[in-house]
PDB file of N, CA and C in Angstrom:
ATOM      1  N   UNK A   1      69.261 107.998 104.370  1.00  0.00           N
ATOM      2  CA  UNK A   1      69.879 107.595 103.268  1.00  0.00           C
ATOM      3  C   UNK A   1      69.697 108.467 102.063  1.00  0.00           C
ATOM      4  N   UNK A   2      70.585 108.773 101.370  1.00  0.00           N
ATOM      5  CA  UNK A   2      70.336 109.409 100.140  1.00  0.00           C
ATOM      6  C   UNK A   2      71.145 108.991  98.833  1.00  0.00           C
ATOM      7  N   UNK A   3      70.805 109.318  97.687  1.00  0.00           N
ATOM      8  CA  UNK A   3      71.587 109.047  96.333  1.00  0.00           C
ATOM      9  C   UNK A   3      72.782 110.216  96.558  1.00  0.00           C
ATOM     10  N   UNK A   4      73.953 109.792  96.108  1.00  0.00           N
ATOM     11  CA  UNK A   4      75.172 110.308  96.107  1.00  0.00           C
ATOM     12  C   UNK A   4      76.015 109.824  94.787  1.00  0.00           C
ATOM     13  N   UNK A   5      76.609 110.673  94.000  1.00  0.00           N
ATOM     14  CA  UNK A   5      77.611 110.360  93.098  1.00  0.00           C
ATOM     15  C   UNK A   5      78.930 110.375  93.676  1.00  0.00           C
ATOM     16  N   UNK A   6      79.666 109.350  93.776  1.00  0.00           N
ATOM     17  CA  UNK A   6      80.827 109.133  94.727  1.00  0.00           C
ATOM     18  C   UNK A   6      82.024 109.801  93.987  1.00  0.00           C
ATOM     19  N   UNK A   7      81.926 110.223  92.826  1.00  0.00           N
ATOM     20  CA  UNK A   7      83.154 110.722  92.018  1.00  0.00           C
ATOM     21  C   UNK A   7      82.978 112.453  92.085  1.00  0.00           C
ATOM     22  N   UNK A   8      81.640 112.797  91.924  1.00  0.00           N
ATOM     23  CA  UNK A   8      81.172 114.294  91.543  1.00  0.00           C
ATOM     24  C   UNK A   8      80.910 114.986  92.991  1.00  0.00           C
ATOM     25  N   UNK A   9      80.195 114.638  93.580  1.00  0.00           N
ATOM     26  CA  UNK A   9      79.196 115.092  94.613  1.00  0.00           C
ATOM     27  C   UNK A   9      80.344 115.504  95.777  1.00  0.00           C
ATOM     28  N   UNK A  10      80.017 116.453  96.491  1.00  0.00           N
ATOM     29  CA  UNK A  10      80.986 116.779  97.810  1.00  0.00           C
ATOM     30  C   UNK A  10      80.452 115.894  98.840  1.00  0.00           C
ATOM     31  N   UNK A  11      81.443 115.756  99.760  1.00  0.00           N
ATOM     32  CA  UNK A  11      81.137 114.877 100.911  1.00  0.00           C
ATOM     33  C   UNK A  11      80.820 115.520 102.343  1.00  0.00           C
ATOM     34  N   UNK A  12      79.923 115.366 103.010  1.00  0.00           N
ATOM     35  CA  UNK A  12      79.651 115.782 104.148  1.00  0.00           C
ATOM     36  C   UNK A  12      80.747 115.223 105.505  1.00  0.00           C
ATOM     37  N   UNK A  13      80.760 115.628 106.428  1.00  0.00           N
ATOM     38  CA  UNK A  13      81.954 115.413 107.516  1.00  0.00           C
ATOM     39  C   UNK A  13      81.226 114.732 108.716  1.00  0.00           C
ATOM     40  N   UNK A  14      82.192 114.006 109.266  1.00  0.00           N
ATOM     41  CA  UNK A  14      81.705 113.586 110.735  1.00  0.00           C
ATOM     42  C   UNK A  14      80.560 112.433 110.727  1.00  0.00           C
ATOM     43  N   UNK A  15      80.933 111.406 109.982  1.00  0.00           N
ATOM     44  CA  UNK A  15      79.903 110.403 109.674  1.00  0.00           C
ATOM     45  C   UNK A  15      80.388 109.348 110.919  1.00  0.00           C
ATOM     46  N   UNK A  16      79.342 108.657 111.463  1.00  0.00           N
ATOM     47  CA  UNK A  16      79.830 107.644 112.459  1.00  0.00           C
ATOM     48  C   UNK A  16      80.060 106.590 111.523  1.00  0.00           C
ATOM     49  N   UNK A  17      79.466 106.261 110.346  1.00  0.00           N
ATOM     50  CA  UNK A  17      79.821 104.925 109.644  1.00  0.00           C
ATOM     51  C   UNK A  17      79.123 105.170 108.198  1.00  0.00           C
ATOM     52  N   UNK A  18      79.858 104.415 107.291  1.00  0.00           N
ATOM     53  CA  UNK A  18      79.567 104.712 105.811  1.00  0.00           C
ATOM     54  C   UNK A  18      79.310 103.118 105.380  1.00  0.00           C
ATOM     55  N   UNK A  19      78.289 102.930 104.462  1.00  0.00           N
ATOM     56  CA  UNK A  19      78.058 101.639 104.043  1.00  0.00           C
ATOM     57  C   UNK A  19      78.240 101.668 102.542  1.00  0.00           C
ATOM     58  N   UNK A  20      79.069 101.061 102.094  1.00  0.00           N
ATOM     59  CA  UNK A  20      79.190 101.223 100.448  1.00  0.00           C
ATOM     60  C   UNK A  20      79.707  99.662 100.087  1.00  0.00           C
ATOM     61  N   UNK A  21      78.707  98.887  99.869  1.00  0.00           N
ATOM     62  CA  UNK A  21      79.091  97.441  99.727  1.00  0.00           C
ATOM     63  C   UNK A  21      78.844  97.084  98.088  1.00  0.00           C
ATOM     64  N   UNK A  22      79.683  96.483  97.493  1.00  0.00           N
ATOM     65  CA  UNK A  22      79.663  95.827  96.134  1.00  0.00           C
ATOM     66  C   UNK A  22      79.378  97.037  95.001  1.00  0.00           C
ATOM     67  N   UNK A  23      79.673  98.105  95.294  1.00  0.00           N
ATOM     68  CA  UNK A  23      79.737  99.106  94.317  1.00  0.00           C
ATOM     69  C   UNK A  23      81.003  99.583  93.695  1.00  0.00           C
ATOM     70  N   UNK A  24      82.017  99.806  94.539  1.00  0.00           N
ATOM     71  CA  UNK A  24      83.326 100.160  93.892  1.00  0.00           C
ATOM     72  C   UNK A  24      84.044  99.087  93.025  1.00  0.00           C
ATOM     73  N   UNK A  25      83.625  97.755  93.083  1.00  0.00           N
ATOM     74  CA  UNK A  25      84.015  96.697  92.081  1.00  0.00           C
ATOM     75  C   UNK A  25      83.856  97.212  90.589  1.00  0.00           C
ATOM     76  N   UNK A  26      83.132  98.128  90.194  1.00  0.00           N
ATOM     77  CA  UNK A  26      82.834  98.645  88.847  1.00  0.00           C
ATOM     78  C   UNK A  26      83.712  99.699  88.848  1.00  0.00           C
ATOM     79  N   UNK A  27      84.555 100.337  89.549  1.00  0.00           N
ATOM     80  CA  UNK A  27      85.348 101.469  89.264  1.00  0.00           C
ATOM     81  C   UNK A  27      86.808 101.001  89.030  1.00  0.00           C
ATOM     82  N   UNK A  28      87.656 102.041  88.312  1.00  0.00           N
ATOM     83  CA  UNK A  28      88.900 101.884  88.059  1.00  0.00           C
ATOM     84  C   UNK A  28      89.670 101.962  89.379  1.00  0.00           C
ATOM     85  N   UNK A  29      90.955 101.419  89.415  1.00  0.00           N
ATOM     86  CA  UNK A  29      91.574 101.603  90.674  1.00  0.00           C
ATOM     87  C   UNK A  29      91.776 103.022  91.115  1.00  0.00           C
ATOM     88  N   UNK A  30      92.137 103.988  90.204  1.00  0.00           N
ATOM     89  CA  UNK A  30      92.256 105.332  90.382  1.00  0.00           C
ATOM     90  C   UNK A  30      91.220 105.888  90.995  1.00  0.00           C
ATOM     91  N   UNK A  31      89.769 105.780  90.540  1.00  0.00           N
ATOM     92  CA  UNK A  31      88.506 106.170  91.078  1.00  0.00           C
ATOM     93  C   UNK A  31      88.368 105.520  92.404  1.00  0.00           C
ATOM     94  N   UNK A  32      88.788 104.351  92.793  1.00  0.00           N
ATOM     95  CA  UNK A  32      88.545 103.645  93.938  1.00  0.00           C
ATOM     96  C   UNK A  32      89.385 104.455  95.131  1.00  0.00           C
ATOM     97  N   UNK A  33      90.626 104.611  94.771  1.00  0.00           N
ATOM     98  CA  UNK A  33      91.535 105.364  95.825  1.00  0.00           C
ATOM     99  C   UNK A  33      91.197 106.579  95.937  1.00  0.00           C
ATOM    100  N   UNK A  34      90.449 107.510  94.971  1.00  0.00           N
ATOM    101  CA  UNK A  34      89.902 108.754  95.288  1.00  0.00           C
ATOM    102  C   UNK A  34      88.670 108.643  96.335  1.00  0.00           C
ATOM    103  N   UNK A  35      87.897 107.533  95.865  1.00  0.00           N
ATOM    104  CA  UNK A  35      86.451 107.474  96.812  1.00  0.00           C
ATOM    105  C   UNK A  35      86.814 107.167  98.293  1.00  0.00           C
ATOM    106  N   UNK A  36      87.805 106.168  98.169  1.00  0.00           N
ATOM    107  CA  UNK A  36      88.249 105.731  99.779  1.00  0.00           C
ATOM    108  C   UNK A  36      88.957 106.757 100.434  1.00  0.00           C
ATOM    109  N   UNK A  37      89.630 107.547  99.944  1.00  0.00           N
ATOM    110  CA  UNK A  37      90.227 108.659 100.299  1.00  0.00           C
ATOM    111  C   UNK A  37      89.049 109.808 100.952  1.00  0.00           C
ATOM    112  N   UNK A  38      88.060 109.823 100.062  1.00  0.00           N
ATOM    113  CA  UNK A  38      86.969 110.805 100.610  1.00  0.00           C
ATOM    114  C   UNK A  38      86.311 110.171 101.645  1.00  0.00           C
ATOM    115  N   UNK A  39      85.936 108.928 101.612  1.00  0.00           N
ATOM    116  CA  UNK A  39      85.223 108.324 102.700  1.00  0.00           C
ATOM    117  C   UNK A  39      86.047 108.585 103.818  1.00  0.00           C
ATOM    118  N   UNK A  40      87.323 108.223 103.980  1.00  0.00           N
ATOM    119  CA  UNK A  40      87.899 108.294 104.931  1.00  0.00           C
ATOM    120  C   UNK A  40      88.021 109.852 105.795  1.00  0.00           C
ATOM    121  N   UNK A  41      88.184 110.841 104.807  1.00  0.00           N
ATOM    122  CA  UNK A  41      88.034 112.333 105.246  1.00  0.00           C
ATOM    123  C   UNK A  41      86.697 112.476 106.024  1.00  0.00           C
ATOM    124  N   UNK A  42      85.666 111.835 105.508  1.00  0.00           N
ATOM    125  CA  UNK A  42      84.195 112.096 105.757  1.00  0.00           C
ATOM    126  C   UNK A  42      83.958 111.587 107.276  1.00  0.00           C
ATOM    127  N   UNK A  43      84.652 110.588 107.591  1.00  0.00           N
ATOM    128  CA  UNK A  43      84.428 109.910 108.689  1.00  0.00           C
ATOM    129  C   UNK A  43      84.881 110.653 110.098  1.00  0.00           C
ATOM    130  N   UNK A  44      84.236 110.612 111.125  1.00  0.00           N
ATOM    131  CA  UNK A  44      84.760 111.032 112.500  1.00  0.00           C
ATOM    132  C   UNK A  44      85.612 110.067 113.052  1.00  0.00           C
ATOM    133  N   UNK A  45      86.522 110.592 113.880  1.00  0.00           N
ATOM    134  CA  UNK A  45      87.520 109.556 114.324  1.00  0.00           C
ATOM    135  C   UNK A  45      86.739 108.276 115.186  1.00  0.00           C
ATOM    136  N   UNK A  46      87.160 107.247 114.810  1.00  0.00           N
ATOM    137  CA  UNK A  46      86.607 105.835 115.410  1.00  0.00           C
ATOM    138  C   UNK A  46      85.471 105.458 114.657  1.00  0.00           C
ATOM    139  N   UNK A  47      85.143 106.353 113.388  1.00  0.00           N
ATOM    140  CA  UNK A  47      84.148 106.031 112.570  1.00  0.00           C
ATOM    141  C   UNK A  47      84.399 104.737 111.702  1.00  0.00           C
ATOM    142  N   UNK A  48      83.349 103.984 111.274  1.00  0.00           N
ATOM    143  CA  UNK A  48      83.627 102.819 110.705  1.00  0.00           C
ATOM    144  C   UNK A  48      83.160 102.850 109.071  1.00  0.00           C
ATOM    145  N   UNK A  49      84.084 102.296 108.341  1.00  0.00           N
ATOM    146  CA  UNK A  49      83.559 102.020 106.841  1.00  0.00           C
ATOM    147  C   UNK A  49      83.297 100.806 106.460  1.00  0.00           C
ATOM    148  N   UNK A  50      82.378 100.230 106.085  1.00  0.00           N
ATOM    149  CA  UNK A  50      81.875  99.003 105.578  1.00  0.00           C
ATOM    150  C   UNK A  50      81.931  98.931 104.163  1.00  0.00           C
ATOM    151  N   UNK A  51      82.639  97.986 103.602  1.00  0.00           N
ATOM    152  CA  UNK A  51      82.964  97.800 102.192  1.00  0.00           C
ATOM    153  C   UNK A  51      82.464  96.243 101.755  1.00  0.00           C
ATOM    154  N   UNK A  52      82.245  96.026 100.452  1.00  0.00           N
ATOM    155  CA  UNK A  52      82.081  94.669 100.179  1.00  0.00           C
ATOM    156  C   UNK A  52      83.377  93.690 100.635  1.00  0.00           C
ATOM    157  N   UNK A  53      82.991  92.350 100.544  1.00  0.00           N
ATOM    158  CA  UNK A  53      83.885  91.338 101.026  1.00  0.00           C
ATOM    159  C   UNK A  53      85.048  91.321 100.018  1.00  0.00           C
ATOM    160  N   UNK A  54      84.557  91.701  98.582  1.00  0.00           N
ATOM    161  CA  UNK A  54      85.607  91.290  97.624  1.00  0.00           C
ATOM    162  C   UNK A  54      86.274  92.520  97.362  1.00  0.00           C
ATOM    163  N   UNK A  55      86.044  93.840  97.977  1.00  0.00           N
ATOM    164  CA  UNK A  55      86.501  95.048  97.824  1.00  0.00           C
ATOM    165  C   UNK A  55      87.737  95.185  99.051  1.00  0.00           C
ATOM    166  N   UNK A  56      88.791  95.733  98.504  1.00  0.00           N
ATOM    167  CA  UNK A  56      89.793  95.750  99.449  1.00  0.00           C
ATOM    168  C   UNK A  56      90.522  97.024  99.284  1.00  0.00           C
ATOM    169  N   UNK A  57      90.927  97.915 100.414  1.00  0.00           N
ATOM    170  CA  UNK A  57      91.518  99.053 100.390  1.00  0.00           C
ATOM    171  C   UNK A  57      93.271  98.992 100.529  1.00  0.00           C
ATOM    172  N   UNK A  58      94.028  98.974  99.533  1.00  0.00           N
ATOM    173  CA  UNK A  58      95.378  98.411  99.674  1.00  0.00           C
ATOM    174  C   UNK A  58      96.164  99.433 100.315  1.00  0.00           C
ATOM    175  N   UNK A  59      95.875 100.950 100.394  1.00  0.00           N
ATOM    176  CA  UNK A  59      96.568 101.800 101.274  1.00  0.00           C
ATOM    177  C   UNK A  59      96.002 102.229 102.244  1.00  0.00           C
ATOM    178  N   UNK A  60      95.190 101.643 103.106  1.00  0.00           N
ATOM    179  CA  UNK A  60      94.131 102.115 104.090  1.00  0.00           C
ATOM    180  C   UNK A  60      94.964 103.133 105.374  1.00  0.00           C
ATOM    181  N   UNK A  61      96.228 102.560 105.433  1.00  0.00           N
ATOM    182  CA  UNK A  61      97.156 103.187 106.271  1.00  0.00           C
ATOM    183  C   UNK A  61      97.588 104.715 106.021  1.00  0.00           C
ATOM    184  N   UNK A  62      97.791 104.762 104.708  1.00  0.00           N
ATOM    185  CA  UNK A  62      97.875 106.219 104.020  1.00  0.00           C
ATOM    186  C   UNK A  62      96.888 107.186 104.322  1.00  0.00           C
ATOM    187  N   UNK A  63      95.508 106.443 104.218  1.00  0.00           N
ATOM    188  CA  UNK A  63      94.558 107.594 104.232  1.00  0.00           C
ATOM    189  C   UNK A  63      93.901 107.370 105.605  1.00  0.00           C
ATOM    190  N   UNK A  64      94.499 107.032 106.672  1.00  0.00           N
ATOM    191  CA  UNK A  64      94.052 107.231 108.167  1.00  0.00           C
ATOM    192  C   UNK A  64      93.060 106.067 108.482  1.00  0.00           C
ATOM    193  N   UNK A  65      93.060 104.934 108.030  1.00  0.00           N
ATOM    194  CA  UNK A  65      92.101 103.846 108.371  1.00  0.00           C
ATOM    195  C   UNK A  65      92.808 102.519 108.985  1.00  0.00           C
ATOM    196  N   UNK A  66      92.069 101.939 109.784  1.00  0.00           N
ATOM    197  CA  UNK A  66      92.746 100.679 110.390  1.00  0.00           C
ATOM    198  C   UNK A  66      91.955  99.805 109.735  1.00  0.00           C
ATOM    199  N   UNK A  67      92.502  98.439 109.480  1.00  0.00           N
ATOM    200  CA  UNK A  67      91.784  97.406 108.846  1.00  0.00           C
ATOM    201  C   UNK A  67      91.040  96.580 110.359  1.00  0.00           C
ATOM    202  N   UNK A  68      89.987  96.569 110.492  1.00  0.00           N
ATOM    203  CA  UNK A  68      89.360  95.785 111.753  1.00  0.00           C
ATOM    204  C   UNK A  68      88.933  94.469 111.103  1.00  0.00           C
ATOM    205  N   UNK A  69      88.509  94.282 109.652  1.00  0.00           N
ATOM    206  CA  UNK A  69      88.193  92.734 109.324  1.00  0.00           C
ATOM    207  C   UNK A  69      88.206  93.021 107.812  1.00  0.00           C
ATOM    208  N   UNK A  70      88.025  91.839 107.215  1.00  0.00           N
ATOM    209  CA  UNK A  70      88.196  91.873 105.701  1.00  0.00           C
ATOM    210  C   UNK A  70      87.295  92.799 105.086  1.00  0.00           C
ATOM    211  N   UNK A  71      86.024  93.468 105.773  1.00  0.00           N
ATOM    212  CA  UNK A  71      85.121  94.062 105.133  1.00  0.00           C
ATOM    213  C   UNK A  71      84.694  95.477 105.643  1.00  0.00           C
ATOM    214  N   UNK A  72      85.524  95.677 106.964  1.00  0.00           N
ATOM    215  CA  UNK A  72      85.339  96.990 107.631  1.00  0.00           C
ATOM    216  C   UNK A  72      86.672  97.677 107.976  1.00  0.00           C
ATOM    217  N   UNK A  73      86.734  98.899 107.980  1.00  0.00           N
ATOM    218  CA  UNK A  73      87.753  99.605 108.632  1.00  0.00           C
ATOM    219  C   UNK A  73      87.419 100.865 109.343  1.00  0.00           C
ATOM    220  N   UNK A  74      88.385 101.378 110.363  1.00  0.00           N
ATOM    221  CA  UNK A  74      87.880 102.282 111.305  1.00  0.00           C
ATOM    222  C   UNK A  74      88.932 103.481 111.033  1.00  0.00           C
ATOM    223  N   UNK A  75      88.301 104.740 111.154  1.00  0.00           N
ATOM    224  CA  UNK A  75      88.959 105.909 111.087  1.00  0.00           C
ATOM    225  C   UNK A  75      89.851 105.951 112.357  1.00  0.00           C
ATOM    226  N   UNK A  76      91.142 106.202 112.271  1.00  0.00           N
ATOM    227  CA  UNK A  76      91.920 106.434 113.137  1.00  0.00           C
ATOM    228  C   UNK A  76      92.019 107.829 113.902  1.00  0.00           C
ATOM    229  N   UNK A  77      92.351 108.056 115.065  1.00  0.00           N
ATOM    230  CA  UNK A  77      92.347 109.413 115.734  1.00  0.00           C
ATOM    231  C   UNK A  77      91.497 109.339 116.902  1.00  0.00           C
TER     232      UNK A  77
END
């Protein structure tokens, strides 16, 4: 685990899973879209993204994700 500025810091690649729960509810819609895209790009194919149950990715297909449940998505590929 480490601290990371979601909007400014570079993202590493090939993560098996990313957990970011109940953080993005405080971001603008534009910032959320940017962060979700970066998360997707950082996951390896088949990797999982866990978010808060009240946070939804509206364009998940456009960024290469498959919705598995209301709070997690899988990177396609």
